[in-house]
Amino acid sequence: MSKFYDKPSSDLLYRALLQVHDLEECRRFLQDLCTVSELKAMEQRMEVAMLLDQGLIYSEILERTGASSATISRVNRCLHYGADGYRTIIPRLKEEEHGEL
């Protein structure tokens, strides 16, 4: 992990995220914290990650999301060689989806 993420000052953000109690609270917090374009970019990356996990190919993901090939490639790299953030969260999201059906 990069030195940037190891700074105590970055812990404040991560601790703040852990204080979120539900979806609506999370939405409101992130809307206050991020610009519209930052939120859209993060939402798009998460959607790309889910589609890559489902086995879709780049052209299908591009068509569905409008994400650039650079974004799709970056997310794919993170899925395979990143800090395992996506690999931790995606199964939980799938489990939550199946529990709601």
N, C-alpha and C. Protein backbone atom coordinates (compact mmCIF):
# COMPACT_ATOMS: atom_id res chain seq x y z
N MET A 1 0.84 -1.18 0.00
CA MET A 1 0.00 0.00 0.00
C MET A 1 0.88 1.23 0.00
N SER A 2 0.44 2.28 -0.68
CA SER A 2 1.25 3.49 -0.78
C SER A 2 1.33 4.21 0.56
N LYS A 3 2.38 4.99 0.71
CA LYS A 3 2.60 5.78 1.93
C LYS A 3 1.44 6.74 2.17
N PHE A 4 0.83 7.25 1.10
CA PHE A 4 -0.29 8.18 1.24
C PHE A 4 -1.39 7.59 2.11
N TYR A 5 -1.73 6.36 1.88
CA TYR A 5 -2.84 5.72 2.58
C TYR A 5 -2.49 5.34 4.01
N ASP A 6 -1.22 5.37 4.35
CA ASP A 6 -0.79 5.01 5.70
C ASP A 6 -0.76 6.21 6.65
N LYS A 7 -1.04 7.40 6.14
CA LYS A 7 -0.98 8.60 6.97
C LYS A 7 -2.14 8.59 7.97
N PRO A 8 -1.87 8.98 9.22
CA PRO A 8 -2.95 9.06 10.21
C PRO A 8 -4.09 9.97 9.77
N SER A 9 -3.78 11.03 9.01
CA SER A 9 -4.84 11.94 8.57
C SER A 9 -5.84 11.24 7.65
N SER A 10 -5.39 10.24 6.89
CA SER A 10 -6.33 9.52 6.03
C SER A 10 -7.25 8.61 6.85
N ASP A 11 -6.81 8.25 8.05
CA ASP A 11 -7.65 7.43 8.91
C ASP A 11 -8.95 8.12 9.27
N LEU A 12 -8.95 9.43 9.34
CA LEU A 12 -10.16 10.17 9.68
C LEU A 12 -11.27 9.87 8.68
N LEU A 13 -10.94 9.86 7.41
CA LEU A 13 -11.94 9.55 6.38
C LEU A 13 -12.45 8.13 6.55
N TYR A 14 -11.56 7.17 6.74
CA TYR A 14 -11.97 5.78 6.84
C TYR A 14 -12.78 5.54 8.12
N ARG A 15 -12.41 6.20 9.19
CA ARG A 15 -13.18 6.07 10.43
C ARG A 15 -14.56 6.70 10.25
N ALA A 16 -14.62 7.81 9.54
CA ALA A 16 -15.91 8.46 9.27
C ALA A 16 -16.82 7.53 8.47
N LEU A 17 -16.27 6.87 7.47
CA LEU A 17 -17.08 5.93 6.67
C LEU A 17 -17.63 4.79 7.52
N LEU A 18 -16.88 4.38 8.50
CA LEU A 18 -17.34 3.30 9.39
C LEU A 18 -18.48 3.75 10.30
N GLN A 19 -18.71 5.05 10.39
CA GLN A 19 -19.80 5.56 11.23
C GLN A 19 -21.15 5.60 10.51
N VAL A 20 -21.15 5.34 9.22
CA VAL A 20 -22.39 5.35 8.43
C VAL A 20 -23.26 4.16 8.83
N HIS A 21 -24.54 4.43 9.06
CA HIS A 21 -25.43 3.38 9.56
C HIS A 21 -26.33 2.74 8.51
N ASP A 22 -26.66 3.46 7.44
CA ASP A 22 -27.54 2.87 6.44
C ASP A 22 -27.30 3.52 5.07
N LEU A 23 -28.00 3.02 4.07
CA LEU A 23 -27.80 3.46 2.69
C LEU A 23 -28.06 4.95 2.53
N GLU A 24 -29.14 5.44 3.09
CA GLU A 24 -29.49 6.86 2.94
C GLU A 24 -28.45 7.75 3.62
N GLU A 25 -28.00 7.35 4.80
CA GLU A 25 -26.97 8.10 5.50
C GLU A 25 -25.67 8.12 4.69
N CYS A 26 -25.34 7.00 4.10
CA CYS A 26 -24.14 6.89 3.26
C CYS A 26 -24.27 7.81 2.06
N ARG A 27 -25.42 7.79 1.42
CA ARG A 27 -25.66 8.64 0.25
C ARG A 27 -25.48 10.11 0.62
N ARG A 28 -26.09 10.54 1.71
CA ARG A 28 -26.00 11.94 2.13
C ARG A 28 -24.56 12.33 2.48
N PHE A 29 -23.86 11.45 3.18
CA PHE A 29 -22.47 11.74 3.57
C PHE A 29 -21.60 11.89 2.33
N LEU A 30 -21.71 10.94 1.40
CA LEU A 30 -20.88 11.01 0.20
C LEU A 30 -21.25 12.19 -0.69
N GLN A 31 -22.52 12.59 -0.71
CA GLN A 31 -22.91 13.77 -1.48
C GLN A 31 -22.30 15.03 -0.90
N ASP A 32 -22.18 15.08 0.42
CA ASP A 32 -21.51 16.23 1.06
C ASP A 32 -20.01 16.18 0.84
N LEU A 33 -19.44 15.00 0.87
CA LEU A 33 -17.99 14.83 0.81
C LEU A 33 -17.42 14.98 -0.60
N CYS A 34 -18.14 14.50 -1.60
CA CYS A 34 -17.62 14.41 -2.97
C CYS A 34 -18.34 15.35 -3.92
N THR A 35 -17.66 15.68 -5.00
CA THR A 35 -18.33 16.40 -6.08
C THR A 35 -19.20 15.42 -6.85
N VAL A 36 -20.10 15.96 -7.65
CA VAL A 36 -20.97 15.12 -8.47
C VAL A 36 -20.13 14.25 -9.39
N SER A 37 -19.09 14.80 -10.00
CA SER A 37 -18.27 14.01 -10.93
C SER A 37 -17.48 12.93 -10.18
N GLU A 38 -17.02 13.21 -8.96
CA GLU A 38 -16.32 12.18 -8.18
C GLU A 38 -17.26 11.03 -7.84
N LEU A 39 -18.48 11.36 -7.44
CA LEU A 39 -19.46 10.31 -7.13
C LEU A 39 -19.80 9.48 -8.35
N LYS A 40 -20.02 10.16 -9.47
CA LYS A 40 -20.35 9.43 -10.71
C LYS A 40 -19.21 8.50 -11.10
N ALA A 41 -17.98 8.96 -10.95
CA ALA A 41 -16.82 8.12 -11.29
C ALA A 41 -16.75 6.90 -10.38
N MET A 42 -16.98 7.08 -9.09
CA MET A 42 -16.93 5.95 -8.16
C MET A 42 -18.08 4.98 -8.42
N GLU A 43 -19.27 5.53 -8.69
CA GLU A 43 -20.42 4.67 -9.00
C GLU A 43 -20.14 3.85 -10.26
N GLN A 44 -19.55 4.50 -11.27
CA GLN A 44 -19.23 3.81 -12.52
C GLN A 44 -18.20 2.72 -12.29
N ARG A 45 -17.16 3.00 -11.49
CA ARG A 45 -16.14 1.99 -11.21
C ARG A 45 -16.73 0.79 -10.50
N MET A 46 -17.64 1.03 -9.58
CA MET A 46 -18.26 -0.08 -8.86
C MET A 46 -19.10 -0.93 -9.80
N GLU A 47 -19.84 -0.27 -10.69
CA GLU A 47 -20.64 -1.01 -11.68
C GLU A 47 -19.73 -1.82 -12.61
N VAL A 48 -18.64 -1.22 -13.05
CA VAL A 48 -17.67 -1.92 -13.90
C VAL A 48 -17.11 -3.14 -13.17
N ALA A 49 -16.77 -2.99 -11.90
CA ALA A 49 -16.24 -4.11 -11.12
C ALA A 49 -17.24 -5.25 -11.04
N MET A 50 -18.49 -4.92 -10.81
CA MET A 50 -19.52 -5.96 -10.73
C MET A 50 -19.67 -6.69 -12.08
N LEU A 51 -19.64 -5.94 -13.17
CA LEU A 51 -19.78 -6.55 -14.49
C LEU A 51 -18.56 -7.39 -14.86
N LEU A 52 -17.37 -6.92 -14.51
CA LEU A 52 -16.16 -7.73 -14.74
C LEU A 52 -16.24 -9.02 -13.93
N ASP A 53 -16.71 -8.92 -12.72
CA ASP A 53 -16.85 -10.09 -11.86
C ASP A 53 -17.84 -11.10 -12.45
N GLN A 54 -18.83 -10.59 -13.17
CA GLN A 54 -19.81 -11.46 -13.82
C GLN A 54 -19.27 -12.07 -15.11
N GLY A 55 -18.07 -11.63 -15.52
CA GLY A 55 -17.45 -12.22 -16.70
C GLY A 55 -17.72 -11.48 -18.00
N LEU A 56 -18.31 -10.30 -17.95
CA LEU A 56 -18.55 -9.55 -19.16
C LEU A 56 -17.23 -9.06 -19.75
N ILE A 57 -17.22 -8.90 -21.07
CA ILE A 57 -16.02 -8.42 -21.75
C ILE A 57 -16.07 -6.90 -21.87
N TYR A 58 -14.91 -6.31 -22.15
CA TYR A 58 -14.78 -4.85 -22.17
C TYR A 58 -15.84 -4.18 -23.04
N SER A 59 -16.06 -4.69 -24.24
CA SER A 59 -17.01 -4.03 -25.15
C SER A 59 -18.43 -4.03 -24.59
N GLU A 60 -18.81 -5.10 -23.92
CA GLU A 60 -20.14 -5.16 -23.30
C GLU A 60 -20.24 -4.17 -22.14
N ILE A 61 -19.17 -4.07 -21.36
CA ILE A 61 -19.15 -3.15 -20.22
C ILE A 61 -19.18 -1.70 -20.71
N LEU A 62 -18.42 -1.42 -21.76
CA LEU A 62 -18.41 -0.09 -22.35
C LEU A 62 -19.81 0.30 -22.81
N GLU A 63 -20.49 -0.64 -23.48
CA GLU A 63 -21.83 -0.38 -23.98
C GLU A 63 -22.82 -0.14 -22.83
N ARG A 64 -22.72 -0.92 -21.78
CA ARG A 64 -23.66 -0.80 -20.65
C ARG A 64 -23.40 0.43 -19.78
N THR A 65 -22.13 0.78 -19.60
CA THR A 65 -21.79 1.81 -18.61
C THR A 65 -21.29 3.11 -19.20
N GLY A 66 -20.78 3.05 -20.43
CA GLY A 66 -20.16 4.23 -21.01
C GLY A 66 -18.76 4.50 -20.47
N ALA A 67 -18.24 3.58 -19.65
CA ALA A 67 -16.91 3.73 -19.08
C ALA A 67 -15.86 3.63 -20.17
N SER A 68 -14.79 4.37 -20.02
CA SER A 68 -13.70 4.30 -20.99
C SER A 68 -12.95 2.98 -20.83
N SER A 69 -12.22 2.62 -21.85
CA SER A 69 -11.43 1.39 -21.76
C SER A 69 -10.35 1.54 -20.68
N ALA A 70 -9.87 2.77 -20.46
CA ALA A 70 -8.88 3.00 -19.40
C ALA A 70 -9.48 2.73 -18.03
N THR A 71 -10.72 3.16 -17.82
CA THR A 71 -11.39 2.92 -16.54
C THR A 71 -11.63 1.43 -16.35
N ILE A 72 -12.11 0.77 -17.38
CA ILE A 72 -12.37 -0.67 -17.28
C ILE A 72 -11.07 -1.41 -16.99
N SER A 73 -10.00 -1.02 -17.67
CA SER A 73 -8.70 -1.65 -17.46
C SER A 73 -8.20 -1.42 -16.04
N ARG A 74 -8.35 -0.20 -15.53
CA ARG A 74 -7.91 0.11 -14.17
C ARG A 74 -8.66 -0.72 -13.14
N VAL A 75 -9.98 -0.81 -13.30
CA VAL A 75 -10.78 -1.60 -12.36
C VAL A 75 -10.38 -3.07 -12.46
N ASN A 76 -10.18 -3.56 -13.66
CA ASN A 76 -9.78 -4.95 -13.84
C ASN A 76 -8.44 -5.23 -13.16
N ARG A 77 -7.50 -4.30 -13.30
CA ARG A 77 -6.21 -4.44 -12.63
C ARG A 77 -6.39 -4.50 -11.11
N CYS A 78 -7.24 -3.64 -10.59
CA CYS A 78 -7.50 -3.64 -9.15
C CYS A 78 -8.16 -4.94 -8.69
N LEU A 79 -9.05 -5.46 -9.51
CA LEU A 79 -9.69 -6.74 -9.18
C LEU A 79 -8.67 -7.86 -9.04
N HIS A 80 -7.66 -7.83 -9.89
CA HIS A 80 -6.69 -8.92 -9.91
C HIS A 80 -5.43 -8.66 -9.09
N TYR A 81 -5.01 -7.40 -9.01
CA TYR A 81 -3.73 -7.12 -8.37
C TYR A 81 -3.80 -6.02 -7.31
N GLY A 82 -5.01 -5.60 -6.96
CA GLY A 82 -5.17 -4.49 -6.03
C GLY A 82 -5.10 -4.93 -4.57
N ALA A 83 -5.67 -4.11 -3.73
CA ALA A 83 -5.63 -4.32 -2.27
C ALA A 83 -6.75 -5.25 -1.79
N ASP A 84 -7.44 -5.92 -2.72
CA ASP A 84 -8.54 -6.84 -2.42
C ASP A 84 -9.79 -6.16 -1.90
N GLY A 85 -9.89 -4.86 -2.10
CA GLY A 85 -11.11 -4.15 -1.69
C GLY A 85 -12.32 -4.62 -2.45
N TYR A 86 -12.22 -4.66 -3.77
CA TYR A 86 -13.35 -5.15 -4.57
C TYR A 86 -13.65 -6.61 -4.21
N ARG A 87 -12.61 -7.41 -4.08
CA ARG A 87 -12.79 -8.85 -3.79
C ARG A 87 -13.42 -9.08 -2.42
N THR A 88 -13.30 -8.14 -1.54
CA THR A 88 -13.93 -8.24 -0.23
C THR A 88 -15.41 -7.83 -0.30
N ILE A 89 -15.68 -6.75 -1.02
CA ILE A 89 -17.01 -6.15 -1.04
C ILE A 89 -17.96 -6.82 -2.01
N ILE A 90 -17.50 -7.22 -3.18
CA ILE A 90 -18.39 -7.80 -4.20
C ILE A 90 -19.15 -9.03 -3.67
N PRO A 91 -18.49 -9.98 -3.02
CA PRO A 91 -19.27 -11.12 -2.49
C PRO A 91 -20.32 -10.70 -1.46
N ARG A 92 -20.02 -9.70 -0.68
CA ARG A 92 -21.00 -9.21 0.30
C ARG A 92 -22.20 -8.59 -0.40
N LEU A 93 -21.96 -7.84 -1.47
CA LEU A 93 -23.06 -7.26 -2.23
C LEU A 93 -23.92 -8.34 -2.87
N LYS A 94 -23.27 -9.36 -3.41
CA LYS A 94 -24.00 -10.48 -4.01
C LYS A 94 -24.85 -11.19 -2.97
N GLU A 95 -24.27 -11.41 -1.80
CA GLU A 95 -24.99 -12.07 -0.72
C GLU A 95 -26.20 -11.23 -0.30
N GLU A 96 -26.01 -9.94 -0.21
CA GLU A 96 -27.11 -9.04 0.15
C GLU A 96 -28.21 -9.09 -0.89
N GLU A 97 -27.83 -9.09 -2.18
CA GLU A 97 -28.82 -9.17 -3.26
C GLU A 97 -29.63 -10.46 -3.17
N HIS A 98 -28.95 -11.58 -2.93
CA HIS A 98 -29.64 -12.86 -2.86
C HIS A 98 -30.54 -12.94 -1.64
N GLY A 99 -30.16 -12.27 -0.57
CA GLY A 99 -30.97 -12.25 0.65
C GLY A 99 -32.24 -11.44 0.48
N GLU A 100 -32.21 -10.48 -0.44
CA GLU A 100 -33.38 -9.60 -0.66
C GLU A 100 -34.35 -10.19 -1.66
N LEU A 101 -33.97 -11.20 -2.39
CA LEU A 101 -34.85 -11.79 -3.41
C LEU A 101 -35.99 -12.56 -2.81
